[in-house]
Amino acid sequence: MQRRQFLTLSGLGLAGLMLPHSRLIAAEDLLVPADLTRKKALADTALTAARNAGASYCDVRIGRYLNQAVITREDRVQNVTNSESAGIGVRVIVNGAWGFAATHQSTVQGVTDAVGNAVAIARANARIQTRPVQLAPVTGVGEVRWTTPIRKNAMAVPLKDKVDLLLSVNAAALNAGADFINSTLFLVNEQKYFASSDGSYIDQDVHRIWLPFTATAIDKSSGKFRTRAGLSSPMGLGWEFLDADPAGKIALPGGVIAYGDSYDAVEDAIAAAKHAREKLTAPAVKPGKYDLVLDPSNLFLTIHENVGHPLELDRVLGYEANYAGTSFATLDKRDAGYRWGSDIVNFFADKTRPGSLGAVGYDDEGVKTRRWDLVKDGTLVNYMATRDEVHLLGENASHGCSYADSWSSVQFQRMANVSLAPGKTPLTPAQMVKDVENGIYIHGRGSYSIDQQRYNAQFGGQLHYQIKNGQITGMVEDAAYQIRTPEFWNACAAICDERDFRLGGSFFDGKGQPSQVSAVSHGSATTRFNGINIINTARSLG
C-alpha cells in the first residue's frame, strides 16, 4: 500500500511539475533570468489591445515556471527531471463577462491574438450571463517586485549535491534497520509578472522546496511490513531549509524530533527506520474514546480538509462542486454566529507568513496579500474570497486568494494558508501530555477520508503513542480518529503556546476542472481534543 502511495505521489509530482507547453531543459538553464523590460512591453501591448477592443478590464500574467524533481530508491537514482513552462495568459471583462485565453508565443503577435481570443470568449459569455461581473476595487501599485525571502537558491545547488543528500538519507535509513527507502526532492520556482488595467506591474519570484521519503521495515519471517514517512513539511524556503540547523529542532515527548524552519533529513531517516521496525511489534490500538493529542505534523491535514476547504467561498456558494464537493459552512451559518469550535479555537488565513508555501506579495489578481480571521473565539466570522466574489460577503476588498498554477490556466479562488492560532497560556507538549489520563498522541500525516461537504471525516497518522496517567506508555498501531467537524473543534480543550507553533503543508493541493494544483501551509501548535472516537483500522478492514 505504501509503495502504491509512493508511485502515486511521484506521478502526481511529475504531472504537477510538467505544466502545459513545458519542455525538458538542462539544469543550468533554470538559472537564466528573464527579461523584465520585454515582459512590460508585452504586457502593455496586451492592455492596449484589450482597451481598443472594448474591454472594461484586463489583466496579463506572463509566467515562467521552473521545476526540478530528483527521485531515488536505496542506492540508486530513479529519475531526474528539469522542466520549464513559459507563456502568457490574458483575462478580460467585456459587456460584464469574463473571457480568458493564453499563448506560449511570447511575441507581440502572440499576445495580440490572445487578447482577441479572450475578447471573443467574453462577448460570447455575455450573451448568456445573468448578471455582470462585479469586481472589488484595487488601486494600482505601479512597478513593484516581491521575492520569497530565501538565503540560497536551491536551483543553483549542483545536482550532484542533491543526489548525494538523497542517497545519504537512504543509506542512513538502511543502516538504521530499514529494508527499503525512497526519497524525493521537489523544487519549484514560479517567476510571475502581472499587469492590469488598474495600473499594476508586479514581478514576483516564488520558491518552494520539499524532501519527502518513506522508510519500510519488513519482518522476514511473517512477511509483515510497516512504514514511516518523513515528518518534515514542504516550505517556501531555499536550500537553507536542508542545512540541518540544530536550533531548528524540537524534542517532543516519546523521543520524536520535530523540525521548524530547517530540516535534518538524515536524522529523520534514521528515526524513521527505527520507528518502522518498532511498529512491526507494536500492539493494535483498542477502539474507544480517548483524549487526543495531535502534533502539528498531523493536525495540519485536518485543518486543510475540514477548515480550509469548507471556508473557500466558491465551495460555499456551490460554484465548486465536482472536484471534492462543496461545503456545509453556508452563509446563513456565518450570519447566525455558527459555533465552529470551543472558545480557544481561532483560525486565521494568512498569505504573508515567511516560509509558508502560500506566501506571496500579491495574488494573481494583483491584490496585496494580508492576514484575516476565519473563526474567532470559536465562532465562524469569515471565508476566503476573490475580487469577483467578495461583495457577496458584504465586503468591498478582495482577500487576495486568486491563484493559477500556470500562465495557461485561468486564475480562480484558492485556499490561503489557514492556521490554528496558538494558545495564550504558556504550555509545552510535555506539560500537555502530563494532563492526559487516557489518550493517544499522533504524529505525521496518514490516510484520510472526508465527505463531500467537509463534515464527516477520518484521519490516521504515522506514529501513534498510548498515554496513561500522564505518561507515554508505548507505541500502538492501526489507529485513526473519526470526527464531525464542529463536534471535533468544540472538543478542543488545550493548545500549546507560540513556542510550539509549526507549519505543515500540502505541496500538490488539487482543485478545479480542468484541475490545477497549488501549495499551501497550515500552522498550529500541539493541540488536545477530549473524548474523541478512535477506531482500529485493521479490525475495520476485517
Protein backbone atom coordinates (compact mmCIF):
# COMPACT_ATOMS: atom_id res chain seq x y z
CA MET A 1 0.00 0.00 0.00
CA GLN A 2 2.77 2.42 0.89
CA ARG A 3 4.64 1.67 -2.34
CA ARG A 4 1.49 2.42 -4.32
CA GLN A 5 1.23 5.69 -2.42
CA PHE A 6 4.82 6.48 -3.39
CA LEU A 7 4.18 5.74 -7.05
CA THR A 8 1.06 7.88 -6.93
CA LEU A 9 2.94 10.70 -5.23
CA SER A 10 5.74 10.55 -7.77
CA GLY A 11 3.23 10.55 -10.62
CA LEU A 12 1.30 13.47 -9.16
CA GLY A 13 4.51 15.32 -8.52
CA LEU A 14 5.87 14.95 -12.01
CA ALA A 15 2.44 15.64 -13.51
CA GLY A 16 2.22 18.79 -11.42
CA LEU A 17 5.70 19.87 -12.41
CA MET A 18 5.26 19.19 -16.12
CA LEU A 19 2.86 22.04 -16.87
CA PRO A 20 1.25 22.67 -20.27
CA HIS A 21 3.72 23.53 -23.02
CA SER A 22 6.62 22.69 -20.70
CA ARG A 23 9.94 21.46 -22.04
CA LEU A 24 12.78 19.49 -20.55
CA ILE A 25 15.87 21.64 -20.16
CA ALA A 26 19.40 21.43 -18.79
CA ALA A 27 19.72 22.16 -15.08
CA GLU A 28 21.90 25.24 -15.65
CA ASP A 29 19.17 26.82 -17.78
CA LEU A 30 16.98 27.00 -14.68
CA LEU A 31 19.10 29.98 -13.58
CA VAL A 32 18.90 32.07 -16.76
CA PRO A 33 16.94 35.24 -15.84
CA ALA A 34 14.00 36.50 -17.87
CA ASP A 35 13.98 39.97 -19.47
CA LEU A 36 11.85 42.29 -17.31
CA THR A 37 11.77 45.11 -19.89
CA ARG A 38 10.41 42.73 -22.52
CA LYS A 39 7.72 41.49 -20.12
CA LYS A 40 6.46 45.04 -19.53
CA ALA A 41 6.40 45.78 -23.26
CA LEU A 42 4.34 42.63 -23.94
CA ALA A 43 2.00 43.47 -21.06
CA ASP A 44 1.44 46.99 -22.37
CA THR A 45 0.71 45.57 -25.81
CA ALA A 46 -1.98 43.34 -24.32
CA LEU A 47 -3.51 46.09 -22.18
CA THR A 48 -3.70 48.47 -25.13
CA ALA A 49 -5.21 45.82 -27.43
CA ALA A 50 -7.84 44.93 -24.81
CA ARG A 51 -8.81 48.55 -24.25
CA ASN A 52 -9.10 49.15 -28.00
CA ALA A 53 -11.31 46.05 -28.30
CA GLY A 54 -13.79 47.42 -25.75
CA ALA A 55 -12.69 45.60 -22.59
CA SER A 56 -13.58 47.38 -19.34
CA TYR A 57 -10.86 45.45 -17.53
CA CYS A 58 -7.79 43.42 -18.49
CA ASP A 59 -5.04 41.61 -16.66
CA VAL A 60 -1.98 39.89 -18.11
CA ARG A 61 0.12 37.18 -16.48
CA ILE A 62 3.50 36.44 -18.05
CA GLY A 63 4.79 33.32 -16.38
CA ARG A 64 7.92 31.20 -16.35
CA TYR A 65 7.58 28.07 -14.21
CA LEU A 66 10.75 26.16 -13.39
CA ASN A 67 10.73 22.75 -11.72
CA GLN A 68 13.20 20.11 -10.68
CA ALA A 69 12.48 16.63 -9.31
CA VAL A 70 15.07 14.10 -8.15
CA ILE A 71 13.74 10.63 -7.27
CA THR A 72 15.86 7.95 -5.60
CA ARG A 73 15.47 4.50 -4.09
CA GLU A 74 18.02 2.83 -1.84
CA ASP A 75 21.42 3.32 -3.54
CA ARG A 76 20.29 4.50 -6.98
CA VAL A 77 18.73 7.46 -8.75
CA GLN A 78 15.47 6.59 -10.49
CA ASN A 79 14.73 9.86 -12.24
CA VAL A 80 15.84 13.47 -12.59
CA THR A 81 13.55 15.97 -14.30
CA ASN A 82 14.20 19.64 -15.07
CA SER A 83 11.37 21.47 -16.81
CA GLU A 84 10.41 24.93 -17.93
CA SER A 85 6.98 26.23 -18.94
CA ALA A 86 6.61 29.79 -20.21
CA GLY A 87 3.82 31.83 -21.79
CA ILE A 88 1.17 34.49 -21.36
CA GLY A 89 -2.39 34.39 -20.02
CA VAL A 90 -4.85 37.22 -20.72
CA ARG A 91 -8.13 37.80 -18.89
CA VAL A 92 -10.68 40.48 -19.86
CA ILE A 93 -14.13 41.72 -18.96
CA VAL A 94 -16.31 42.72 -21.93
CA ASN A 95 -20.01 43.54 -21.53
CA GLY A 96 -19.86 42.35 -17.92
CA ALA A 97 -18.49 38.87 -18.67
CA TRP A 98 -15.11 37.15 -18.32
CA GLY A 99 -13.01 35.90 -21.18
CA PHE A 100 -9.63 34.18 -20.96
CA ALA A 101 -7.05 32.99 -23.46
CA ALA A 102 -3.39 32.03 -23.32
CA THR A 103 -0.44 31.61 -25.66
CA HIS A 104 3.03 30.13 -25.45
CA GLN A 105 4.12 32.60 -28.15
CA SER A 106 5.79 35.42 -26.19
CA THR A 107 5.64 37.85 -29.10
CA VAL A 108 3.63 40.94 -29.98
CA GLN A 109 1.56 38.93 -32.45
CA GLY A 110 1.07 36.11 -29.97
CA VAL A 111 -0.18 38.33 -27.17
CA THR A 112 -2.38 40.36 -29.55
CA ASP A 113 -4.01 37.15 -30.80
CA ALA A 114 -4.58 36.00 -27.22
CA VAL A 115 -6.35 39.27 -26.40
CA GLY A 116 -8.55 38.84 -29.46
CA ASN A 117 -9.50 35.33 -28.39
CA ALA A 118 -10.20 36.42 -24.81
CA VAL A 119 -12.42 39.27 -26.00
CA ALA A 120 -14.35 36.96 -28.34
CA ILE A 121 -14.93 34.49 -25.49
CA ALA A 122 -16.11 37.29 -23.19
CA ARG A 123 -18.60 38.55 -25.78
CA ALA A 124 -19.97 35.02 -26.19
CA ASN A 125 -20.24 34.58 -22.42
CA ALA A 126 -22.03 37.91 -22.09
CA ARG A 127 -24.93 36.64 -24.20
CA ILE A 128 -25.83 34.03 -21.57
CA GLN A 129 -24.59 35.83 -18.43
CA THR A 130 -27.39 36.50 -15.93
CA ARG A 131 -25.58 39.25 -14.03
CA PRO A 132 -22.42 41.24 -14.77
CA VAL A 133 -19.10 40.57 -13.06
CA GLN A 134 -18.69 42.82 -10.03
CA LEU A 135 -15.04 43.43 -9.17
CA ALA A 136 -13.93 44.76 -5.82
CA PRO A 137 -11.78 47.86 -6.36
CA VAL A 138 -7.99 47.58 -6.40
CA THR A 139 -5.61 50.52 -6.50
CA GLY A 140 -2.75 50.08 -8.93
CA VAL A 141 0.66 49.84 -7.28
CA GLY A 142 2.83 50.76 -10.26
CA GLU A 143 6.05 48.78 -10.73
CA VAL A 144 6.89 46.58 -7.72
CA ARG A 145 8.88 43.40 -7.08
CA TRP A 146 8.47 40.68 -4.45
CA THR A 147 10.74 37.68 -3.84
CA THR A 148 10.48 34.72 -1.48
CA PRO A 149 12.99 35.61 1.26
CA ILE A 150 15.45 32.78 0.58
CA ARG A 151 19.14 32.75 1.50
CA LYS A 152 20.24 30.22 -1.12
CA ASN A 153 18.50 29.44 -4.39
CA ALA A 154 18.02 25.66 -4.41
CA MET A 155 18.02 25.67 -8.21
CA ALA A 156 21.64 26.86 -8.08
CA VAL A 157 22.83 23.94 -5.95
CA PRO A 158 24.72 21.39 -8.10
CA LEU A 159 22.72 18.31 -8.97
CA LYS A 160 25.47 16.14 -7.50
CA ASP A 161 24.92 17.71 -4.07
CA LYS A 162 21.21 16.97 -4.27
CA VAL A 163 21.77 13.38 -5.29
CA ASP A 164 24.40 12.96 -2.57
CA LEU A 165 21.96 14.28 0.04
CA LEU A 166 19.16 11.92 -1.01
CA LEU A 167 21.46 8.90 -1.18
CA SER A 168 22.87 9.76 2.26
CA VAL A 169 19.30 9.88 3.57
CA ASN A 170 18.68 6.44 2.06
CA ALA A 171 21.94 5.00 3.40
CA ALA A 172 21.24 6.30 6.89
CA ALA A 173 17.81 4.65 6.93
CA LEU A 174 19.15 1.33 5.62
CA ASN A 175 21.95 1.30 8.20
CA ALA A 176 19.39 2.02 10.93
CA GLY A 177 17.24 -1.00 10.08
CA ALA A 178 15.07 -0.12 7.08
CA ASP A 179 14.77 -2.71 4.32
CA PHE A 180 13.65 -0.23 1.67
CA ILE A 181 13.55 3.53 1.33
CA ASN A 182 12.61 6.00 -1.36
CA SER A 183 13.32 9.73 -1.22
CA THR A 184 12.46 12.62 -3.49
CA LEU A 185 13.45 16.25 -3.81
CA PHE A 186 10.95 18.67 -5.35
CA LEU A 187 11.96 22.24 -6.23
CA VAL A 188 9.65 24.89 -7.70
CA ASN A 189 10.39 28.42 -8.89
CA GLU A 190 7.47 30.49 -10.19
CA GLN A 191 8.56 33.66 -11.99
CA LYS A 192 5.33 35.60 -12.39
CA TYR A 193 4.80 39.02 -13.96
CA PHE A 194 1.34 40.54 -13.51
CA ALA A 195 0.00 43.69 -15.18
CA SER A 196 -3.52 45.08 -15.15
CA SER A 197 -5.59 47.97 -16.40
CA ASP A 198 -5.75 49.08 -12.75
CA GLY A 199 -2.15 50.30 -13.13
CA SER A 200 -0.10 47.50 -11.57
CA TYR A 201 3.12 45.93 -12.89
CA ILE A 202 4.08 43.28 -10.34
CA ASP A 203 7.09 41.00 -10.73
CA GLN A 204 7.31 38.06 -8.28
CA ASP A 205 9.88 35.33 -7.78
CA VAL A 206 8.41 32.46 -5.72
CA HIS A 207 10.39 29.47 -4.38
CA ARG A 208 9.28 26.19 -2.74
CA ILE A 209 11.12 23.08 -1.57
CA TRP A 210 10.15 19.60 -0.31
CA LEU A 211 12.06 16.43 0.58
CA PRO A 212 9.63 13.57 1.31
CA PHE A 213 10.74 9.99 1.95
CA THR A 214 9.27 6.69 3.13
CA ALA A 215 11.23 4.03 5.03
CA THR A 216 9.97 0.43 5.11
CA ALA A 217 10.84 -2.34 7.59
CA ILE A 218 9.93 -6.00 6.95
CA ASP A 219 9.53 -8.94 9.30
CA LYS A 220 11.00 -11.57 7.00
CA SER A 221 9.56 -14.48 8.98
CA SER A 222 5.95 -13.33 8.54
CA GLY A 223 6.17 -11.02 5.52
CA LYS A 224 4.59 -8.25 7.59
CA PHE A 225 5.87 -4.76 6.85
CA ARG A 226 5.46 -1.26 8.30
CA THR A 227 6.46 2.16 7.01
CA ARG A 228 7.20 5.60 8.38
CA ALA A 229 7.26 8.68 6.17
CA GLY A 230 9.37 11.76 6.81
CA LEU A 231 7.99 14.24 9.34
CA SER A 232 9.16 17.40 7.61
CA SER A 233 6.93 19.84 5.77
CA PRO A 234 7.27 21.43 2.35
CA MET A 235 8.27 25.05 2.77
CA GLY A 236 8.53 28.34 0.93
CA LEU A 237 12.28 28.49 1.51
CA GLY A 238 15.55 27.93 -0.30
CA TRP A 239 18.30 25.35 0.14
CA GLU A 240 18.95 26.69 3.63
CA PHE A 241 15.92 24.65 4.75
CA LEU A 242 18.03 21.50 4.33
CA ASP A 243 21.08 22.84 6.19
CA ALA A 244 20.03 20.91 9.33
CA ASP A 245 20.42 23.78 11.81
CA PRO A 246 20.28 22.24 15.33
CA ALA A 247 18.46 25.35 16.55
CA GLY A 248 15.50 24.40 14.34
CA LYS A 249 14.83 21.12 16.17
CA ILE A 250 12.29 20.48 18.94
CA ALA A 251 12.44 17.42 21.22
CA LEU A 252 8.92 16.08 21.87
CA PRO A 253 7.52 13.54 24.36
CA GLY A 254 8.18 9.97 23.27
CA GLY A 255 11.57 10.85 21.78
CA VAL A 256 10.19 12.25 18.50
CA ILE A 257 12.06 15.17 16.93
CA ALA A 258 10.11 17.99 15.28
CA TYR A 259 11.52 20.38 12.71
CA GLY A 260 10.74 24.03 12.06
CA ASP A 261 12.49 26.27 9.52
CA SER A 262 15.34 23.81 8.98
CA TYR A 263 15.31 20.06 8.44
CA ASP A 264 17.83 17.32 9.19
CA ALA A 265 16.66 14.71 6.68
CA VAL A 266 19.39 12.22 7.60
CA GLU A 267 18.47 12.32 11.29
CA ASP A 268 14.79 11.93 10.45
CA ALA A 269 15.54 8.99 8.15
CA ILE A 270 17.41 7.18 10.95
CA ALA A 271 14.47 7.76 13.29
CA ALA A 272 12.03 6.63 10.57
CA ALA A 273 13.83 3.31 10.11
CA LYS A 274 13.76 2.65 13.85
CA HIS A 275 10.11 3.67 14.11
CA ALA A 276 9.12 1.46 11.16
CA ARG A 277 10.80 -1.54 12.81
CA GLU A 278 9.22 -0.72 16.19
CA LYS A 279 5.80 -0.61 14.53
CA LEU A 280 6.22 -4.26 13.49
CA THR A 281 5.78 -5.35 17.12
CA ALA A 282 3.55 -2.55 18.40
CA PRO A 283 0.13 -3.72 19.63
CA ALA A 284 -3.01 -2.63 17.81
CA VAL A 285 -4.95 0.18 19.43
CA LYS A 286 -8.01 -0.73 21.46
CA PRO A 287 -11.01 1.14 19.98
CA GLY A 288 -12.84 3.61 22.16
CA LYS A 289 -12.99 7.18 23.40
CA TYR A 290 -9.67 8.87 24.07
CA ASP A 291 -8.28 12.32 24.72
CA LEU A 292 -6.41 13.01 21.51
CA VAL A 293 -3.09 14.91 21.42
CA LEU A 294 -2.22 15.94 17.87
CA ASP A 295 1.19 17.15 16.77
CA PRO A 296 1.19 19.88 14.08
CA SER A 297 2.68 17.34 11.64
CA ASN A 298 -0.69 15.55 11.84
CA LEU A 299 -3.12 18.35 12.59
CA PHE A 300 -2.21 20.38 9.50
CA LEU A 301 -4.06 17.93 7.23
CA THR A 302 -7.17 18.01 9.40
CA ILE A 303 -7.12 21.82 9.26
CA HIS A 304 -6.63 21.66 5.49
CA GLU A 305 -9.54 19.31 4.88
CA ASN A 306 -12.20 20.39 7.37
CA VAL A 307 -11.41 24.07 7.90
CA GLY A 308 -9.55 25.33 4.84
CA HIS A 309 -11.62 23.71 2.09
CA PRO A 310 -15.08 24.34 3.59
CA LEU A 311 -14.26 28.04 4.03
CA GLU A 312 -13.41 28.59 0.35
CA LEU A 313 -16.27 30.83 -0.74
CA ASP A 314 -16.70 29.22 -4.15
CA ARG A 315 -17.39 25.86 -2.44
CA VAL A 316 -19.79 27.56 -0.02
CA LEU A 317 -21.70 29.07 -2.95
CA GLY A 318 -21.71 25.82 -4.93
CA TYR A 319 -19.53 27.20 -7.73
CA GLU A 320 -17.02 24.44 -6.95
CA ALA A 321 -18.69 21.07 -6.54
CA ASN A 322 -17.41 18.34 -8.86
CA TYR A 323 -13.85 18.28 -7.51
CA ALA A 324 -14.12 17.16 -3.85
CA GLY A 325 -17.51 18.68 -3.13
CA THR A 326 -18.98 21.85 -1.69
CA SER A 327 -19.24 22.93 1.98
CA PHE A 328 -21.53 22.59 4.98
CA ALA A 329 -20.43 26.09 6.15
CA THR A 330 -23.09 28.06 4.26
CA LEU A 331 -23.52 31.83 4.53
CA ASP A 332 -26.54 31.55 6.81
CA LYS A 333 -24.33 29.89 9.42
CA ARG A 334 -21.97 32.85 9.49
CA ASP A 335 -24.89 35.24 9.76
CA ALA A 336 -26.25 33.22 12.68
CA GLY A 337 -22.93 33.21 14.56
CA TYR A 338 -22.26 29.49 13.94
CA ARG A 339 -20.32 27.77 16.70
CA TRP A 340 -17.35 26.18 14.92
CA GLY A 341 -15.30 25.31 17.99
CA SER A 342 -14.61 25.96 21.66
CA ASP A 343 -13.69 29.42 22.91
CA ILE A 344 -9.95 28.83 22.44
CA VAL A 345 -10.32 27.95 18.74
CA ASN A 346 -9.16 30.78 16.46
CA PHE A 347 -8.46 30.17 12.77
CA PHE A 348 -6.86 32.78 10.55
CA ALA A 349 -5.94 32.99 6.88
CA ASP A 350 -2.53 34.43 6.09
CA LYS A 351 -0.67 34.74 2.79
CA THR A 352 2.20 36.77 4.25
CA ARG A 353 3.99 34.46 6.73
CA PRO A 354 7.65 33.95 5.68
CA GLY A 355 8.49 30.34 4.94
CA SER A 356 4.92 29.31 4.23
CA LEU A 357 4.00 27.73 0.90
CA GLY A 358 1.26 30.25 0.15
CA ALA A 359 3.29 33.37 0.92
CA VAL A 360 3.37 35.91 -1.91
CA GLY A 361 3.36 39.68 -2.02
CA TYR A 362 0.35 39.87 -4.35
CA ASP A 363 -2.17 37.31 -5.57
CA ASP A 364 -2.83 36.55 -9.24
CA GLU A 365 -5.31 39.43 -9.45
CA GLY A 366 -2.76 41.98 -8.22
CA VAL A 367 -4.27 42.17 -4.72
CA LYS A 368 -1.80 42.77 -1.89
CA THR A 369 -1.88 39.80 0.46
CA ARG A 370 -2.77 40.01 4.15
CA ARG A 371 -4.00 38.13 7.23
CA TRP A 372 -7.63 37.93 8.38
CA ASP A 373 -9.81 35.95 10.81
CA LEU A 374 -11.96 32.99 9.77
CA VAL A 375 -13.08 31.68 13.17
CA LYS A 376 -12.85 33.99 16.18
CA ASP A 377 -13.20 32.65 19.74
CA GLY A 378 -14.92 29.58 18.30
CA THR A 379 -17.39 31.49 16.09
CA LEU A 380 -17.41 31.48 12.28
CA VAL A 381 -16.76 35.05 11.09
CA ASN A 382 -15.45 34.92 7.50
CA TYR A 383 -14.36 33.00 4.40
CA MET A 384 -11.74 33.23 1.65
CA ALA A 385 -12.80 35.18 -1.45
CA THR A 386 -11.55 36.85 -4.64
CA ARG A 387 -12.34 40.18 -6.32
CA ASP A 388 -15.47 38.97 -8.10
CA GLU A 389 -16.89 37.10 -5.06
CA VAL A 390 -16.19 39.23 -2.01
CA HIS A 391 -19.18 41.56 -2.50
CA LEU A 392 -21.38 38.56 -1.67
CA LEU A 393 -19.95 38.77 1.85
CA GLY A 394 -20.82 42.45 2.11
CA GLU A 395 -17.15 43.43 1.79
CA ASN A 396 -15.51 45.76 -0.71
CA ALA A 397 -11.92 44.46 -0.70
CA SER A 398 -10.66 41.13 -2.02
CA HIS A 399 -8.96 38.75 0.40
CA GLY A 400 -6.17 38.13 -2.12
CA CYS A 401 -6.96 34.44 -2.72
CA SER A 402 -6.64 34.24 -6.50
CA TYR A 403 -4.11 31.80 -7.96
CA ALA A 404 -3.36 29.94 -11.19
CA ASP A 405 -0.85 27.12 -11.38
CA SER A 406 0.30 28.14 -14.86
CA TRP A 407 0.23 31.00 -17.32
CA SER A 408 -2.10 28.79 -19.40
CA SER A 409 -4.62 28.33 -16.55
CA VAL A 410 -7.22 30.91 -15.61
CA GLN A 411 -6.80 32.19 -12.07
CA PHE A 412 -9.53 31.36 -9.58
CA GLN A 413 -10.23 31.17 -5.85
CA ARG A 414 -7.72 29.05 -3.91
CA MET A 415 -7.11 28.41 -0.25
CA ALA A 416 -4.82 30.74 1.67
CA ASN A 417 -2.53 29.48 4.43
CA VAL A 418 -5.11 28.58 7.12
CA SER A 419 -3.77 28.14 10.64
CA LEU A 420 -4.95 27.49 14.18
CA ALA A 421 -3.72 30.25 16.47
CA PRO A 422 -1.50 29.04 19.33
CA GLY A 423 -2.73 29.11 22.91
CA LYS A 424 -2.29 32.23 25.03
CA THR A 425 -1.38 30.36 28.23
CA PRO A 426 2.19 29.00 28.48
CA LEU A 427 2.01 25.28 27.69
CA THR A 428 4.50 22.80 26.22
CA PRO A 429 3.70 19.42 24.63
CA ALA A 430 5.29 17.65 27.63
CA GLN A 431 3.02 19.57 30.02
CA MET A 432 0.00 18.77 27.85
CA VAL A 433 0.76 15.03 27.93
CA LYS A 434 1.01 15.13 31.75
CA ASP A 435 -2.62 16.31 31.90
CA VAL A 436 -3.94 13.30 29.93
CA GLU A 437 -5.22 10.22 31.80
CA ASN A 438 -6.18 8.06 28.82
CA GLY A 439 -5.10 9.29 25.43
CA ILE A 440 -3.48 8.81 22.05
CA TYR A 441 -0.64 11.05 20.79
CA ILE A 442 -0.32 11.19 16.96
CA HIS A 443 2.48 12.45 14.70
CA GLY A 444 2.63 12.72 10.93
CA ARG A 445 0.18 12.61 8.07
CA GLY A 446 -1.63 9.33 7.44
CA SER A 447 -4.53 8.15 5.31
CA TYR A 448 -7.76 10.12 5.49
CA SER A 449 -11.32 10.24 4.20
CA ILE A 450 -13.83 13.10 4.22
CA ASP A 451 -17.31 13.59 2.81
CA GLN A 452 -18.40 15.94 0.04
CA GLN A 453 -19.47 18.71 2.43
CA ARG A 454 -16.35 18.50 4.65
CA TYR A 455 -18.40 17.49 7.67
CA ASN A 456 -17.68 13.82 8.49
CA ALA A 457 -14.07 12.63 8.34
CA GLN A 458 -11.48 10.11 9.46
CA PHE A 459 -7.72 10.67 9.84
CA GLY A 460 -4.77 8.42 10.59
CA GLY A 461 -1.11 9.19 11.27
CA GLN A 462 2.48 7.96 11.04
CA LEU A 463 3.17 7.41 14.76
CA HIS A 464 0.62 6.66 17.47
CA TYR A 465 1.53 6.58 21.18
CA GLN A 466 -0.63 5.50 24.11
CA ILE A 467 -0.87 7.90 27.07
CA LYS A 468 -1.78 6.57 30.53
CA ASN A 469 -1.94 8.78 33.62
CA GLY A 470 0.22 11.48 32.08
CA GLN A 471 2.89 9.10 30.75
CA ILE A 472 3.58 7.78 27.26
CA THR A 473 3.47 4.01 27.73
CA GLY A 474 4.43 2.89 24.23
CA MET A 475 3.60 2.79 20.55
CA VAL A 476 0.32 1.44 19.21
CA GLU A 477 -0.69 0.71 15.63
CA ASP A 478 -3.75 0.81 13.33
CA ALA A 479 -5.30 3.91 14.95
CA ALA A 480 -7.47 6.54 13.29
CA TYR A 481 -9.78 9.21 14.69
CA GLN A 482 -13.32 9.75 13.46
CA ILE A 483 -14.83 13.23 13.65
CA ARG A 484 -17.65 15.52 12.75
CA THR A 485 -16.09 18.91 12.08
CA PRO A 486 -17.99 21.13 14.60
CA GLU A 487 -18.06 18.46 17.31
CA PHE A 488 -14.32 17.89 16.92
CA TRP A 489 -13.34 21.53 17.22
CA ASN A 490 -15.76 22.09 20.09
CA ALA A 491 -13.89 19.28 21.88
CA CYS A 492 -10.67 21.30 21.63
CA ALA A 493 -9.53 21.63 25.27
CA ALA A 494 -5.94 22.91 25.14
CA ILE A 495 -3.44 24.39 22.66
CA CYS A 496 0.28 24.77 23.27
CA ASP A 497 1.72 28.26 23.07
CA GLU A 498 3.63 30.10 20.35
CA ARG A 499 6.91 28.30 21.13
CA ASP A 500 5.45 25.10 19.63
CA PHE A 501 3.81 26.70 16.57
CA ARG A 502 4.93 24.88 13.41
CA LEU A 503 3.89 24.70 9.76
CA GLY A 504 2.66 21.66 7.86
CA GLY A 505 1.64 21.82 4.26
CA SER A 506 0.28 20.39 1.03
CA PHE A 507 2.58 20.67 -1.99
CA PHE A 508 0.06 19.40 -4.56
CA ASP A 509 -3.43 20.51 -3.50
CA GLY A 510 -5.86 19.80 -6.33
CA LYS A 511 -8.96 21.78 -7.26
CA GLY A 512 -11.00 22.83 -10.28
CA GLN A 513 -11.91 21.41 -13.66
CA PRO A 514 -9.61 21.33 -15.56
CA SER A 515 -7.72 20.56 -12.37
CA GLN A 516 -4.98 22.80 -11.02
CA VAL A 517 -2.55 22.28 -8.13
CA SER A 518 -1.43 24.79 -5.54
CA ALA A 519 0.81 24.72 -2.47
CA VAL A 520 -0.49 25.82 0.93
CA SER A 521 0.72 25.72 4.54
CA HIS A 522 -1.21 25.22 7.77
CA GLY A 523 0.24 26.14 11.13
CA SER A 524 -0.65 25.05 14.64
CA ALA A 525 0.84 24.12 17.97
CA THR A 526 0.24 20.74 19.61
CA THR A 527 -3.48 20.52 20.45
CA ARG A 528 -5.65 18.34 22.69
CA PHE A 529 -9.19 17.19 21.95
CA ASN A 530 -11.20 15.43 24.65
CA GLY A 531 -13.38 12.36 24.15
CA ILE A 532 -12.59 11.55 20.50
CA ASN A 533 -13.59 8.23 18.93
CA ILE A 534 -10.56 6.11 17.97
CA ILE A 535 -11.02 3.09 15.73
CA ASN A 536 -8.79 0.12 14.93
CA THR A 537 -8.31 0.35 11.17
CA ALA A 538 -7.06 -3.23 10.81
CA ARG A 539 -10.17 -4.52 12.55
CA SER A 540 -12.35 -2.16 10.48
CA LEU A 541 -10.89 -3.64 7.30
CA GLY A 542 -11.54 -7.17 8.54
